[in-house]
Amino acid sequence: MRVPFSGVGSEMIGALQAGWDDVTGIEQGAEYAEIAEKRIAAWIK
């Protein structure tokens, strides 16, 4: 799944919870991408 304008990763976390194996987010804002990376890493643990 590709998520354009992924923001802080909510849609990507939802996709992972729904069982998607391959989720890729695209975000222009570095600060939002950094938050998304941390949120997804915390959820995966």
PDB file of N, CA and C in Angstrom:
ATOM      1  N   MET A   1       0.845  -1.161   0.000  1.00  0.00           N
ATOM      2  CA  MET A   1       0.000   0.000   0.000  1.00  0.00           C
ATOM      3  C   MET A   1       0.896   1.231   0.000  1.00  0.00           C
ATOM      4  N   ARG A   2       0.564   2.203  -0.801  1.00  0.00           N
ATOM      5  CA  ARG A   2       1.283   3.475  -0.843  1.00  0.00           C
ATOM      6  C   ARG A   2       0.383   4.545  -0.226  1.00  0.00           C
ATOM      7  N   VAL A   3       0.949   5.343   0.660  1.00  0.00           N
ATOM      8  CA  VAL A   3       0.179   6.386   1.332  1.00  0.00           C
ATOM      9  C   VAL A   3       0.825   7.736   1.035  1.00  0.00           C
ATOM     10  N   PRO A   4       0.298   8.489   0.055  1.00  0.00           N
ATOM     11  CA  PRO A   4       0.840   9.822  -0.203  1.00  0.00           C
ATOM     12  C   PRO A   4       0.367  10.774   0.899  1.00  0.00           C
ATOM     13  N   PHE A   5       1.147  11.768   1.189  1.00  0.00           N
ATOM     14  CA  PHE A   5       0.804  12.736   2.240  1.00  0.00           C
ATOM     15  C   PHE A   5       0.539  11.991   3.550  1.00  0.00           C
ATOM     16  N   SER A   6       1.492  11.159   3.966  1.00  0.00           N
ATOM     17  CA  SER A   6       1.273  10.236   5.081  1.00  0.00           C
ATOM     18  C   SER A   6       1.269  10.882   6.457  1.00  0.00           C
ATOM     19  N   GLY A   7       1.696  12.123   6.556  1.00  0.00           N
ATOM     20  CA  GLY A   7       1.626  12.822   7.840  1.00  0.00           C
ATOM     21  C   GLY A   7       2.354  12.080   8.942  1.00  0.00           C
ATOM     22  N   VAL A   8       1.688  11.893  10.081  1.00  0.00           N
ATOM     23  CA  VAL A   8       2.323  11.252  11.232  1.00  0.00           C
ATOM     24  C   VAL A   8       2.109   9.741  11.264  1.00  0.00           C
ATOM     25  N   GLY A   9       1.590   9.174  10.185  1.00  0.00           N
ATOM     26  CA  GLY A   9       1.555   7.723  10.043  1.00  0.00           C
ATOM     27  C   GLY A   9       0.294   7.005  10.472  1.00  0.00           C
ATOM     28  N   SER A  10      -0.758   7.714  10.814  1.00  0.00           N
ATOM     29  CA  SER A  10      -1.980   7.058  11.292  1.00  0.00           C
ATOM     30  C   SER A  10      -2.542   6.063  10.286  1.00  0.00           C
ATOM     31  N   GLU A  11      -2.615   6.453   9.022  1.00  0.00           N
ATOM     32  CA  GLU A  11      -3.158   5.561   7.994  1.00  0.00           C
ATOM     33  C   GLU A  11      -2.259   4.344   7.795  1.00  0.00           C
ATOM     34  N   MET A  12      -0.953   4.529   7.901  1.00  0.00           N
ATOM     35  CA  MET A  12      -0.027   3.403   7.750  1.00  0.00           C
ATOM     36  C   MET A  12      -0.162   2.429   8.918  1.00  0.00           C
ATOM     37  N   ILE A  13      -0.309   2.938  10.125  1.00  0.00           N
ATOM     38  CA  ILE A  13      -0.509   2.070  11.284  1.00  0.00           C
ATOM     39  C   ILE A  13      -1.818   1.299  11.128  1.00  0.00           C
ATOM     40  N   GLY A  14      -2.851   1.965  10.667  1.00  0.00           N
ATOM     41  CA  GLY A  14      -4.128   1.294  10.417  1.00  0.00           C
ATOM     42  C   GLY A  14      -3.998   0.188   9.387  1.00  0.00           C
ATOM     43  N   ALA A  15      -3.224   0.434   8.336  1.00  0.00           N
ATOM     44  CA  ALA A  15      -3.015  -0.584   7.302  1.00  0.00           C
ATOM     45  C   ALA A  15      -2.263  -1.784   7.871  1.00  0.00           C
ATOM     46  N   LEU A  16      -1.272  -1.537   8.704  1.00  0.00           N
ATOM     47  CA  LEU A  16      -0.537  -2.633   9.344  1.00  0.00           C
ATOM     48  C   LEU A  16      -1.460  -3.428  10.265  1.00  0.00           C
ATOM     49  N   GLN A  17      -2.312  -2.745  11.007  1.00  0.00           N
ATOM     50  CA  GLN A  17      -3.266  -3.420  11.885  1.00  0.00           C
ATOM     51  C   GLN A  17      -4.256  -4.257  11.084  1.00  0.00           C
ATOM     52  N   ALA A  18      -4.575  -3.807   9.873  1.00  0.00           N
ATOM     53  CA  ALA A  18      -5.514  -4.529   9.015  1.00  0.00           C
ATOM     54  C   ALA A  18      -4.870  -5.706   8.298  1.00  0.00           C
ATOM     55  N   GLY A  19      -3.546  -5.853   8.440  1.00  0.00           N
ATOM     56  CA  GLY A  19      -2.880  -7.011   7.869  1.00  0.00           C
ATOM     57  C   GLY A  19      -2.074  -6.767   6.607  1.00  0.00           C
ATOM     58  N   TRP A  20      -1.952  -5.529   6.172  1.00  0.00           N
ATOM     59  CA  TRP A  20      -1.126  -5.240   4.998  1.00  0.00           C
ATOM     60  C   TRP A  20       0.338  -5.508   5.340  1.00  0.00           C
ATOM     61  N   ASP A  21       1.048  -6.187   4.449  1.00  0.00           N
ATOM     62  CA  ASP A  21       2.463  -6.505   4.674  1.00  0.00           C
ATOM     63  C   ASP A  21       3.386  -5.366   4.261  1.00  0.00           C
ATOM     64  N   ASP A  22       3.060  -4.737   3.155  1.00  0.00           N
ATOM     65  CA  ASP A  22       3.945  -3.746   2.546  1.00  0.00           C
ATOM     66  C   ASP A  22       3.247  -2.389   2.534  1.00  0.00           C
ATOM     67  N   VAL A  23       3.682  -1.508   3.418  1.00  0.00           N
ATOM     68  CA  VAL A  23       3.086  -0.177   3.524  1.00  0.00           C
ATOM     69  C   VAL A  23       4.201   0.854   3.372  1.00  0.00           C
ATOM     70  N   THR A  24       4.031   1.769   2.422  1.00  0.00           N
ATOM     71  CA  THR A  24       5.030   2.805   2.171  1.00  0.00           C
ATOM     72  C   THR A  24       4.363   4.171   2.265  1.00  0.00           C
ATOM     73  N   GLY A  25       4.906   5.026   3.124  1.00  0.00           N
ATOM     74  CA  GLY A  25       4.386   6.375   3.259  1.00  0.00           C
ATOM     75  C   GLY A  25       5.275   7.371   2.539  1.00  0.00           C
ATOM     76  N   ILE A  26       4.652   8.384   1.979  1.00  0.00           N
ATOM     77  CA  ILE A  26       5.376   9.450   1.295  1.00  0.00           C
ATOM     78  C   ILE A  26       4.986  10.760   1.976  1.00  0.00           C
ATOM     79  N   GLU A  27       5.976  11.424   2.566  1.00  0.00           N
ATOM     80  CA  GLU A  27       5.716  12.668   3.281  1.00  0.00           C
ATOM     81  C   GLU A  27       6.829  13.662   2.990  1.00  0.00           C
ATOM     82  N   GLN A  28       6.455  14.862   2.584  1.00  0.00           N
ATOM     83  CA  GLN A  28       7.430  15.894   2.259  1.00  0.00           C
ATOM     84  C   GLN A  28       8.042  16.516   3.516  1.00  0.00           C
ATOM     85  N   GLY A  29       7.243  16.670   4.556  1.00  0.00           N
ATOM     86  CA  GLY A  29       7.726  17.313   5.778  1.00  0.00           C
ATOM     87  C   GLY A  29       8.568  16.369   6.619  1.00  0.00           C
ATOM     88  N   ALA A  30       9.835  16.710   6.776  1.00  0.00           N
ATOM     89  CA  ALA A  30      10.758  15.842   7.519  1.00  0.00           C
ATOM     90  C   ALA A  30      10.305  15.626   8.959  1.00  0.00           C
ATOM     91  N   GLU A  31       9.749  16.655   9.585  1.00  0.00           N
ATOM     92  CA  GLU A  31       9.325  16.511  10.978  1.00  0.00           C
ATOM     93  C   GLU A  31       8.166  15.521  11.117  1.00  0.00           C
ATOM     94  N   TYR A  32       7.251  15.525  10.147  1.00  0.00           N
ATOM     95  CA  TYR A  32       6.143  14.569  10.180  1.00  0.00           C
ATOM     96  C   TYR A  32       6.637  13.148   9.901  1.00  0.00           C
ATOM     97  N   ALA A  33       7.546  13.013   8.952  1.00  0.00           N
ATOM     98  CA  ALA A  33       8.098  11.693   8.629  1.00  0.00           C
ATOM     99  C   ALA A  33       8.821  11.101   9.835  1.00  0.00           C
ATOM    100  N   GLU A  34       9.533  11.937  10.568  1.00  0.00           N
ATOM    101  CA  GLU A  34      10.254  11.477  11.761  1.00  0.00           C
ATOM    102  C   GLU A  34       9.277  10.988  12.832  1.00  0.00           C
ATOM    103  N   ILE A  35       8.193  11.722  13.023  1.00  0.00           N
ATOM    104  CA  ILE A  35       7.168  11.311  13.993  1.00  0.00           C
ATOM    105  C   ILE A  35       6.546   9.987  13.556  1.00  0.00           C
ATOM    106  N   ALA A  36       6.242   9.866  12.262  1.00  0.00           N
ATOM    107  CA  ALA A  36       5.643   8.630  11.741  1.00  0.00           C
ATOM    108  C   ALA A  36       6.565   7.439  11.962  1.00  0.00           C
ATOM    109  N   GLU A  37       7.844   7.609  11.696  1.00  0.00           N
ATOM    110  CA  GLU A  37       8.802   6.512  11.895  1.00  0.00           C
ATOM    111  C   GLU A  37       8.794   6.045  13.343  1.00  0.00           C
ATOM    112  N   LYS A  38       8.776   6.983  14.279  1.00  0.00           N
ATOM    113  CA  LYS A  38       8.777   6.635  15.703  1.00  0.00           C
ATOM    114  C   LYS A  38       7.472   5.952  16.109  1.00  0.00           C
ATOM    115  N   ARG A  39       6.345   6.451  15.605  1.00  0.00           N
ATOM    116  CA  ARG A  39       5.051   5.852  15.949  1.00  0.00           C
ATOM    117  C   ARG A  39       4.947   4.431  15.416  1.00  0.00           C
ATOM    118  N   ILE A  40       5.376   4.223  14.177  1.00  0.00           N
ATOM    119  CA  ILE A  40       5.298   2.889  13.576  1.00  0.00           C
ATOM    120  C   ILE A  40       6.239   1.931  14.294  1.00  0.00           C
ATOM    121  N   ALA A  41       7.441   2.385  14.608  1.00  0.00           N
ATOM    122  CA  ALA A  41       8.395   1.536  15.332  1.00  0.00           C
ATOM    123  C   ALA A  41       7.829   1.131  16.691  1.00  0.00           C
ATOM    124  N   ALA A  42       7.176   2.052  17.388  1.00  0.00           N
ATOM    125  CA  ALA A  42       6.582   1.743  18.694  1.00  0.00           C
ATOM    126  C   ALA A  42       5.430   0.762  18.545  1.00  0.00           C
ATOM    127  N   TRP A  43       4.645   0.892  17.489  1.00  0.00           N
ATOM    128  CA  TRP A  43       3.508  -0.004  17.279  1.00  0.00           C
ATOM    129  C   TRP A  43       3.972  -1.413  16.928  1.00  0.00           C
ATOM    130  N   ILE A  44       5.043  -1.538  16.156  1.00  0.00           N
ATOM    131  CA  ILE A  44       5.533  -2.846  15.707  1.00  0.00           C
ATOM    132  C   ILE A  44       6.098  -3.655  16.880  1.00  0.00           C
ATOM    133  N   LYS A  45       6.655  -3.003  17.881  1.00  0.00           N
ATOM    134  CA  LYS A  45       7.271  -3.726  19.016  1.00  0.00           C
ATOM    135  C   LYS A  45       6.308  -4.590  19.750  1.00  0.00           C
TER     136      LYS A  45
END
